[in-house]
Amino acid sequence: MTSPFLGEMLGTMTLIIFGDGVVAGALLAKSKGEAMGWVGITASWCFGTIAGIFVATAAGSADAHINPSVTVAAAVATGDLSKLGVYIPAQMIGAFFGAAIVWLHYLPHWGATQDKDLKLACFCTGPAIRNMGANLLAEIIATFVLVLVIYAVVSKAVVAPGAFPTGVAPYIIGVLVWGIGLSLGGPTGYAINPARDLGPRIAHALLPIPGKGGSDWGYAWIPVVGPVIGATIAALFVGIVGI
């Protein structure tokens, strides 16, 4: 039953359940977690990354990318494009399912929440200050850092015999995502993952959410294009410096 497609789909779904789930818990009216703040939100994205990587691996994806940016970076670094057509659709589907599960879990709270922007924020990212050039640059930088550090974590210099036990890398990558959220997430909400943003944005558009507004499609290209550019630059940089 296990397969790379299933692994990437379930792993990304798990990531979104944790990530969009904590945003919903922090923003929706009458939630026990309402107003928990940015530290709590970024912490759960860390935990979701760890859990998503483990689920993806167990379900059949040895790579456990759970992020099209990481898949693109791997394709650029290796020249092997064969996984793009398998991993990226799986990640997008998984992200959509994860968002739908969060919608179902918080079902009574959508009607209790009046602010349509808060409802949208439970699904996808948006800028603190809307400036397309600056927003794009923020996503490029944050994703560059993500991919650069991932390559460092799994590099031969680090993953040498005795360097650290098997299974530790997902925790390190989870903490990396937490750190990026705390340090670089302020301008745009740090999508750093096209599936994380686009899959749930589609879910927001399609699901019967009471009192919802538009899905902000005019901004939607930023958290897709920015991470892909950042990941590509990072992959080329890693190749140049030999990490």
C-alpha atoms as a PDB file:
ATOM      1  CA  MET A   1       0.000   0.000   0.000  1.00  0.00           C
ATOM      2  CA  THR A   2       2.769   2.458   0.826  1.00  0.00           C
ATOM      3  CA  SER A   3       4.191   4.552  -2.009  1.00  0.00           C
ATOM      4  CA  PRO A   4       6.037   7.836  -2.561  1.00  0.00           C
ATOM      5  CA  PHE A   5       2.776   9.463  -3.685  1.00  0.00           C
ATOM      6  CA  LEU A   6       0.914   8.310  -0.574  1.00  0.00           C
ATOM      7  CA  GLY A   7       3.786   9.315   1.656  1.00  0.00           C
ATOM      8  CA  GLU A   8       3.982  12.849   0.287  1.00  0.00           C
ATOM      9  CA  MET A   9       0.206  13.230   0.385  1.00  0.00           C
ATOM     10  CA  LEU A  10      -0.237  12.017   3.962  1.00  0.00           C
ATOM     11  CA  GLY A  11       2.867  13.791   5.202  1.00  0.00           C
ATOM     12  CA  THR A  12       1.740  17.126   3.761  1.00  0.00           C
ATOM     13  CA  MET A  13      -1.781  16.562   5.072  1.00  0.00           C
ATOM     14  CA  THR A  14      -0.335  16.042   8.545  1.00  0.00           C
ATOM     15  CA  LEU A  15       1.731  19.215   8.272  1.00  0.00           C
ATOM     16  CA  ILE A  16      -1.356  21.245   7.375  1.00  0.00           C
ATOM     17  CA  ILE A  17      -3.518  19.738  10.118  1.00  0.00           C
ATOM     18  CA  PHE A  18      -1.001  20.953  12.692  1.00  0.00           C
ATOM     19  CA  GLY A  19      -0.234  24.255  10.951  1.00  0.00           C
ATOM     20  CA  ASP A  20      -3.628  25.457   9.786  1.00  0.00           C
ATOM     21  CA  GLY A  21      -5.094  23.892  12.915  1.00  0.00           C
ATOM     22  CA  VAL A  22      -3.065  26.089  15.248  1.00  0.00           C
ATOM     23  CA  VAL A  23      -3.893  29.206  13.217  1.00  0.00           C
ATOM     24  CA  ALA A  24      -7.592  28.356  13.441  1.00  0.00           C
ATOM     25  CA  GLY A  25      -7.226  27.740  17.161  1.00  0.00           C
ATOM     26  CA  ALA A  26      -5.527  31.105  17.620  1.00  0.00           C
ATOM     27  CA  LEU A  27      -7.834  33.194  15.434  1.00  0.00           C
ATOM     28  CA  LEU A  28     -11.353  31.765  15.461  1.00  0.00           C
ATOM     29  CA  ALA A  29     -13.884  33.090  17.956  1.00  0.00           C
ATOM     30  CA  LYS A  30     -14.580  31.077  21.118  1.00  0.00           C
ATOM     31  CA  SER A  31     -11.653  28.713  20.547  1.00  0.00           C
ATOM     32  CA  LYS A  32      -9.844  27.716  23.749  1.00  0.00           C
ATOM     33  CA  GLY A  33      -6.614  28.776  22.049  1.00  0.00           C
ATOM     34  CA  GLU A  34      -7.864  32.159  20.871  1.00  0.00           C
ATOM     35  CA  ALA A  35      -5.166  34.876  20.927  1.00  0.00           C
ATOM     36  CA  MET A  36      -2.341  32.424  21.755  1.00  0.00           C
ATOM     37  CA  GLY A  37       0.010  34.505  19.615  1.00  0.00           C
ATOM     38  CA  TRP A  38       2.812  34.112  17.111  1.00  0.00           C
ATOM     39  CA  VAL A  39       5.101  31.960  19.270  1.00  0.00           C
ATOM     40  CA  GLY A  40       2.390  29.341  19.703  1.00  0.00           C
ATOM     41  CA  ILE A  41       1.573  29.371  15.992  1.00  0.00           C
ATOM     42  CA  THR A  42       5.188  28.973  14.903  1.00  0.00           C
ATOM     43  CA  ALA A  43       5.737  26.228  17.482  1.00  0.00           C
ATOM     44  CA  SER A  44       2.922  24.124  16.063  1.00  0.00           C
ATOM     45  CA  TRP A  45       4.252  24.531  12.514  1.00  0.00           C
ATOM     46  CA  CYS A  46       7.499  23.108  13.910  1.00  0.00           C
ATOM     47  CA  PHE A  47       5.671  20.140  15.433  1.00  0.00           C
ATOM     48  CA  GLY A  48       3.680  19.668  12.237  1.00  0.00           C
ATOM     49  CA  THR A  49       6.864  19.549  10.184  1.00  0.00           C
ATOM     50  CA  ILE A  50       8.332  16.868  12.423  1.00  0.00           C
ATOM     51  CA  ALA A  51       5.129  14.823  12.398  1.00  0.00           C
ATOM     52  CA  GLY A  52       4.672  15.280   8.639  1.00  0.00           C
ATOM     53  CA  ILE A  53       8.182  14.051   7.855  1.00  0.00           C
ATOM     54  CA  PHE A  54       7.705  10.937   9.973  1.00  0.00           C
ATOM     55  CA  VAL A  55       4.296  10.180   8.430  1.00  0.00           C
ATOM     56  CA  ALA A  56       5.613  10.710   4.907  1.00  0.00           C
ATOM     57  CA  THR A  57       8.542   8.391   5.546  1.00  0.00           C
ATOM     58  CA  ALA A  58       6.394   5.692   7.142  1.00  0.00           C
ATOM     59  CA  ALA A  59       3.841   5.877   4.306  1.00  0.00           C
ATOM     60  CA  GLY A  60       6.404   5.327   1.584  1.00  0.00           C
ATOM     61  CA  SER A  61       8.293   8.516   0.725  1.00  0.00           C
ATOM     62  CA  ALA A  62      11.948   8.065   1.601  1.00  0.00           C
ATOM     63  CA  ASP A  63      12.550  11.722   0.702  1.00  0.00           C
ATOM     64  CA  ALA A  64       9.669  13.095   2.817  1.00  0.00           C
ATOM     65  CA  HIS A  65       9.816  16.493   1.136  1.00  0.00           C
ATOM     66  CA  ILE A  66       6.225  17.543   2.031  1.00  0.00           C
ATOM     67  CA  ASN A  67       7.029  20.793   0.233  1.00  0.00           C
ATOM     68  CA  PRO A  68       7.214  21.482  -3.527  1.00  0.00           C
ATOM     69  CA  SER A  69      10.074  23.919  -2.901  1.00  0.00           C
ATOM     70  CA  VAL A  70      12.212  21.119  -1.504  1.00  0.00           C
ATOM     71  CA  THR A  71      11.216  18.894  -4.423  1.00  0.00           C
ATOM     72  CA  VAL A  72      12.191  21.622  -6.906  1.00  0.00           C
ATOM     73  CA  ALA A  73      15.502  22.175  -5.103  1.00  0.00           C
ATOM     74  CA  ALA A  74      16.281  18.454  -5.297  1.00  0.00           C
ATOM     75  CA  ALA A  75      15.470  18.410  -9.019  1.00  0.00           C
ATOM     76  CA  VAL A  76      17.722  21.415  -9.666  1.00  0.00           C
ATOM     77  CA  ALA A  77      20.552  19.973  -7.578  1.00  0.00           C
ATOM     78  CA  THR A  78      20.473  16.505  -9.151  1.00  0.00           C
ATOM     79  CA  GLY A  79      19.084  17.173 -12.624  1.00  0.00           C
ATOM     80  CA  ASP A  80      16.513  14.422 -11.999  1.00  0.00           C
ATOM     81  CA  LEU A  81      13.050  15.792 -12.785  1.00  0.00           C
ATOM     82  CA  SER A  82      11.212  12.480 -12.446  1.00  0.00           C
ATOM     83  CA  LYS A  83       9.844  13.126  -8.962  1.00  0.00           C
ATOM     84  CA  LEU A  84       8.246  16.470  -9.766  1.00  0.00           C
ATOM     85  CA  GLY A  85       5.201  14.880 -11.390  1.00  0.00           C
ATOM     86  CA  VAL A  86       4.650  12.509  -8.466  1.00  0.00           C
ATOM     87  CA  TYR A  87       5.535  14.532  -5.389  1.00  0.00           C
ATOM     88  CA  ILE A  88       4.051  17.930  -6.190  1.00  0.00           C
ATOM     89  CA  PRO A  89       0.505  16.732  -7.027  1.00  0.00           C
ATOM     90  CA  ALA A  90       0.578  14.551  -3.907  1.00  0.00           C
ATOM     91  CA  GLN A  91       1.668  17.505  -1.777  1.00  0.00           C
ATOM     92  CA  MET A  92      -1.062  19.750  -3.199  1.00  0.00           C
ATOM     93  CA  ILE A  93      -3.759  17.131  -2.633  1.00  0.00           C
ATOM     94  CA  GLY A  94      -2.508  16.444   0.875  1.00  0.00           C
ATOM     95  CA  ALA A  95      -2.528  20.146   1.719  1.00  0.00           C
ATOM     96  CA  PHE A  96      -6.107  20.461   0.470  1.00  0.00           C
ATOM     97  CA  PHE A  97      -7.220  17.485   2.553  1.00  0.00           C
ATOM     98  CA  GLY A  98      -5.420  18.810   5.615  1.00  0.00           C
ATOM     99  CA  ALA A  99      -7.183  22.163   5.316  1.00  0.00           C
ATOM    100  CA  ALA A 100     -10.549  20.447   4.843  1.00  0.00           C
ATOM    101  CA  ILE A 101      -9.966  18.440   8.021  1.00  0.00           C
ATOM    102  CA  VAL A 102      -9.176  21.638   9.938  1.00  0.00           C
ATOM    103  CA  TRP A 103     -12.377  23.201   8.572  1.00  0.00           C
ATOM    104  CA  LEU A 104     -14.369  20.207   9.768  1.00  0.00           C
ATOM    105  CA  HIS A 105     -12.673  20.151  13.174  1.00  0.00           C
ATOM    106  CA  TYR A 106     -13.528  23.808  13.877  1.00  0.00           C
ATOM    107  CA  LEU A 107     -16.959  23.604  12.252  1.00  0.00           C
ATOM    108  CA  PRO A 108     -18.997  25.642  14.813  1.00  0.00           C
ATOM    109  CA  HIS A 109     -16.364  28.377  15.047  1.00  0.00           C
ATOM    110  CA  TRP A 110     -16.578  29.639  11.462  1.00  0.00           C
ATOM    111  CA  GLY A 111     -20.067  30.990  12.015  1.00  0.00           C
ATOM    112  CA  ALA A 112     -19.083  32.460  15.383  1.00  0.00           C
ATOM    113  CA  THR A 113     -16.223  34.421  13.777  1.00  0.00           C
ATOM    114  CA  GLN A 114     -17.249  37.667  12.109  1.00  0.00           C
ATOM    115  CA  ASP A 115     -13.952  38.724  10.531  1.00  0.00           C
ATOM    116  CA  LYS A 116     -13.646  37.183   7.063  1.00  0.00           C
ATOM    117  CA  ASP A 117      -9.915  37.967   6.922  1.00  0.00           C
ATOM    118  CA  LEU A 118      -9.305  35.889  10.040  1.00  0.00           C
ATOM    119  CA  LYS A 119     -11.127  32.994   8.388  1.00  0.00           C
ATOM    120  CA  LEU A 120      -8.929  33.262   5.307  1.00  0.00           C
ATOM    121  CA  ALA A 121      -5.794  33.419   7.457  1.00  0.00           C
ATOM    122  CA  CYS A 122      -6.664  30.005   8.877  1.00  0.00           C
ATOM    123  CA  PHE A 123      -6.059  28.580   5.401  1.00  0.00           C
ATOM    124  CA  CYS A 124      -3.315  30.578   3.725  1.00  0.00           C
ATOM    125  CA  THR A 125      -0.773  33.332   4.168  1.00  0.00           C
ATOM    126  CA  GLY A 126      -1.078  37.045   3.615  1.00  0.00           C
ATOM    127  CA  PRO A 127       1.291  39.992   3.915  1.00  0.00           C
ATOM    128  CA  ALA A 128       1.541  42.255   6.945  1.00  0.00           C
ATOM    129  CA  ILE A 129       2.210  45.148   4.552  1.00  0.00           C
ATOM    130  CA  ARG A 130       1.018  44.544   0.999  1.00  0.00           C
ATOM    131  CA  ASN A 131       3.972  45.302  -1.244  1.00  0.00           C
ATOM    132  CA  MET A 132       4.305  42.670  -3.940  1.00  0.00           C
ATOM    133  CA  GLY A 133       8.013  43.203  -4.548  1.00  0.00           C
ATOM    134  CA  ALA A 134       8.900  43.137  -0.854  1.00  0.00           C
ATOM    135  CA  ASN A 135       6.543  40.213  -0.216  1.00  0.00           C
ATOM    136  CA  LEU A 136       8.101  38.195  -3.037  1.00  0.00           C
ATOM    137  CA  LEU A 137      11.588  38.946  -1.760  1.00  0.00           C
ATOM    138  CA  ALA A 138      10.639  37.868   1.771  1.00  0.00           C
ATOM    139  CA  GLU A 139       9.407  34.496   0.518  1.00  0.00           C
ATOM    140  CA  ILE A 140      12.539  34.066  -1.621  1.00  0.00           C
ATOM    141  CA  ILE A 141      14.849  34.784   1.318  1.00  0.00           C
ATOM    142  CA  ALA A 142      12.981  32.613   3.816  1.00  0.00           C
ATOM    143  CA  THR A 143      12.856  29.657   1.428  1.00  0.00           C
ATOM    144  CA  PHE A 144      16.516  30.097   0.508  1.00  0.00           C
ATOM    145  CA  VAL A 145      17.380  29.775   4.199  1.00  0.00           C
ATOM    146  CA  LEU A 146      15.102  26.737   4.570  1.00  0.00           C
ATOM    147  CA  VAL A 147      16.681  24.830   1.684  1.00  0.00           C
ATOM    148  CA  LEU A 148      20.246  25.877   2.501  1.00  0.00           C
ATOM    149  CA  VAL A 149      19.991  24.640   6.082  1.00  0.00           C
ATOM    150  CA  ILE A 150      18.212  21.422   5.060  1.00  0.00           C
ATOM    151  CA  TYR A 151      21.097  20.628   2.730  1.00  0.00           C
ATOM    152  CA  ALA A 152      23.531  21.395   5.528  1.00  0.00           C
ATOM    153  CA  VAL A 153      21.659  19.105   7.936  1.00  0.00           C
ATOM    154  CA  VAL A 154      21.758  16.151   5.537  1.00  0.00           C
ATOM    155  CA  SER A 155      25.238  16.860   4.153  1.00  0.00           C
ATOM    156  CA  LYS A 156      28.018  14.291   4.384  1.00  0.00           C
ATOM    157  CA  ALA A 157      29.922  16.519   6.751  1.00  0.00           C
ATOM    158  CA  VAL A 158      27.045  16.369   9.237  1.00  0.00           C
ATOM    159  CA  VAL A 159      25.561  12.934   8.612  1.00  0.00           C
ATOM    160  CA  ALA A 160      28.855  11.123   9.085  1.00  0.00           C
ATOM    161  CA  PRO A 161      28.940   7.876  11.068  1.00  0.00           C
ATOM    162  CA  GLY A 162      28.424   8.788  14.691  1.00  0.00           C
ATOM    163  CA  ALA A 163      27.416  12.392  13.948  1.00  0.00           C
ATOM    164  CA  PHE A 164      23.914  11.940  15.326  1.00  0.00           C
ATOM    165  CA  PRO A 165      21.460   9.027  15.628  1.00  0.00           C
ATOM    166  CA  THR A 166      19.071   8.037  12.848  1.00  0.00           C
ATOM    167  CA  GLY A 167      15.756   9.872  13.092  1.00  0.00           C
ATOM    168  CA  VAL A 168      17.122  13.101  14.518  1.00  0.00           C
ATOM    169  CA  ALA A 169      17.042  15.063  11.225  1.00  0.00           C
ATOM    170  CA  PRO A 170      13.227  15.583  11.266  1.00  0.00           C
ATOM    171  CA  TYR A 171      13.509  17.256  14.660  1.00  0.00           C
ATOM    172  CA  ILE A 172      16.264  19.547  13.442  1.00  0.00           C
ATOM    173  CA  ILE A 173      14.268  20.496  10.344  1.00  0.00           C
ATOM    174  CA  GLY A 174      11.200  21.129  12.515  1.00  0.00           C
ATOM    175  CA  VAL A 175      13.199  23.480  14.725  1.00  0.00           C
ATOM    176  CA  LEU A 176      14.518  25.136  11.556  1.00  0.00           C
ATOM    177  CA  VAL A 177      10.942  25.858  10.439  1.00  0.00           C
ATOM    178  CA  TRP A 178      10.204  27.239  13.910  1.00  0.00           C
ATOM    179  CA  GLY A 179      13.232  29.505  13.729  1.00  0.00           C
ATOM    180  CA  ILE A 180      12.326  30.765  10.261  1.00  0.00           C
ATOM    181  CA  GLY A 181       8.830  31.551  11.494  1.00  0.00           C
ATOM    182  CA  LEU A 182      10.121  33.516  14.467  1.00  0.00           C
ATOM    183  CA  SER A 183      12.835  35.395  12.597  1.00  0.00           C
ATOM    184  CA  LEU A 184      11.631  35.731   9.004  1.00  0.00           C
ATOM    185  CA  GLY A 185       7.902  35.040   9.188  1.00  0.00           C
ATOM    186  CA  GLY A 186       6.710  38.507  10.114  1.00  0.00           C
ATOM    187  CA  PRO A 187       6.383  40.092   6.652  1.00  0.00           C
ATOM    188  CA  THR A 188       4.327  37.407   4.886  1.00  0.00           C
ATOM    189  CA  GLY A 189       3.517  34.623   7.333  1.00  0.00           C
ATOM    190  CA  TYR A 190       6.348  32.519   5.814  1.00  0.00           C
ATOM    191  CA  ALA A 191       4.625  30.199   3.370  1.00  0.00           C
ATOM    192  CA  ILE A 192       8.022  28.768   2.257  1.00  0.00           C
ATOM    193  CA  ASN A 193       5.935  25.979   0.746  1.00  0.00           C
ATOM    194  CA  PRO A 194       3.646  26.412  -2.299  1.00  0.00           C
ATOM    195  CA  ALA A 195       1.454  23.452  -1.300  1.00  0.00           C
ATOM    196  CA  ARG A 196       1.005  24.809   2.209  1.00  0.00           C
ATOM    197  CA  ASP A 197      -0.539  27.962   0.738  1.00  0.00           C
ATOM    198  CA  LEU A 198      -2.199  26.984  -2.538  1.00  0.00           C
ATOM    199  CA  GLY A 199      -3.884  23.742  -1.440  1.00  0.00           C
ATOM    200  CA  PRO A 200      -5.636  25.330   1.566  1.00  0.00           C
ATOM    201  CA  ARG A 201      -6.426  28.483  -0.427  1.00  0.00           C
ATOM    202  CA  ILE A 202      -8.330  26.295  -2.898  1.00  0.00           C
ATOM    203  CA  ALA A 203     -10.050  24.636   0.060  1.00  0.00           C
ATOM    204  CA  HIS A 204     -11.103  28.047   1.357  1.00  0.00           C
ATOM    205  CA  ALA A 205     -12.560  28.893  -2.041  1.00  0.00           C
ATOM    206  CA  LEU A 206     -14.526  25.639  -2.302  1.00  0.00           C
ATOM    207  CA  LEU A 207     -15.664  24.860   1.236  1.00  0.00           C
ATOM    208  CA  PRO A 208     -19.014  26.174   2.561  1.00  0.00           C
ATOM    209  CA  ILE A 209     -17.562  28.532   5.176  1.00  0.00           C
ATOM    210  CA  PRO A 210     -20.238  30.902   6.518  1.00  0.00           C
ATOM    211  CA  GLY A 211     -19.475  34.572   6.031  1.00  0.00           C
ATOM    212  CA  LYS A 212     -16.227  34.035   4.168  1.00  0.00           C
ATOM    213  CA  GLY A 213     -14.850  36.604   1.771  1.00  0.00           C
ATOM    214  CA  GLY A 214     -12.650  36.139  -1.265  1.00  0.00           C
ATOM    215  CA  SER A 215      -9.579  33.940  -1.324  1.00  0.00           C
ATOM    216  CA  ASP A 216      -7.200  36.795  -2.279  1.00  0.00           C
ATOM    217  CA  TRP A 217      -6.147  35.275  -5.596  1.00  0.00           C
ATOM    218  CA  GLY A 218      -4.330  38.470  -6.506  1.00  0.00           C
ATOM    219  CA  TYR A 219      -1.724  37.649  -3.863  1.00  0.00           C
ATOM    220  CA  ALA A 220      -1.796  33.867  -4.310  1.00  0.00           C
ATOM    221  CA  TRP A 221       1.110  33.754  -6.780  1.00  0.00           C
ATOM    222  CA  ILE A 222       3.580  35.213  -4.253  1.00  0.00           C
ATOM    223  CA  PRO A 223       3.685  32.197  -1.888  1.00  0.00           C
ATOM    224  CA  VAL A 224       4.042  29.904  -4.910  1.00  0.00           C
ATOM    225  CA  VAL A 225       6.576  31.729  -7.063  1.00  0.00           C
ATOM    226  CA  GLY A 226       8.674  33.138  -4.207  1.00  0.00           C
ATOM    227  CA  PRO A 227       9.452  29.778  -2.590  1.00  0.00           C
ATOM    228  CA  VAL A 228      10.235  28.171  -5.951  1.00  0.00           C
ATOM    229  CA  ILE A 229      12.698  30.953  -6.777  1.00  0.00           C
ATOM    230  CA  GLY A 230      14.273  30.798  -3.321  1.00  0.00           C
ATOM    231  CA  ALA A 231      14.622  27.026  -3.481  1.00  0.00           C
ATOM    232  CA  THR A 232      16.168  27.165  -6.955  1.00  0.00           C
ATOM    233  CA  ILE A 233      18.724  29.767  -5.904  1.00  0.00           C
ATOM    234  CA  ALA A 234      19.559  27.754  -2.794  1.00  0.00           C
ATOM    235  CA  ALA A 235      20.056  24.546  -4.810  1.00  0.00           C
ATOM    236  CA  LEU A 236      22.389  26.322  -7.242  1.00  0.00           C
ATOM    237  CA  PHE A 237      24.279  27.913  -4.344  1.00  0.00           C
ATOM    238  CA  VAL A 238      24.664  24.567  -2.574  1.00  0.00           C
ATOM    239  CA  GLY A 239      26.118  23.107  -5.757  1.00  0.00           C
ATOM    240  CA  ILE A 240      28.611  25.964  -6.106  1.00  0.00           C
ATOM    241  CA  VAL A 241      29.881  25.812  -2.524  1.00  0.00           C
ATOM    242  CA  GLY A 242      29.799  22.024  -2.417  1.00  0.00           C
ATOM    243  CA  ILE A 243      27.573  21.458   0.603  1.00  0.00           C
END
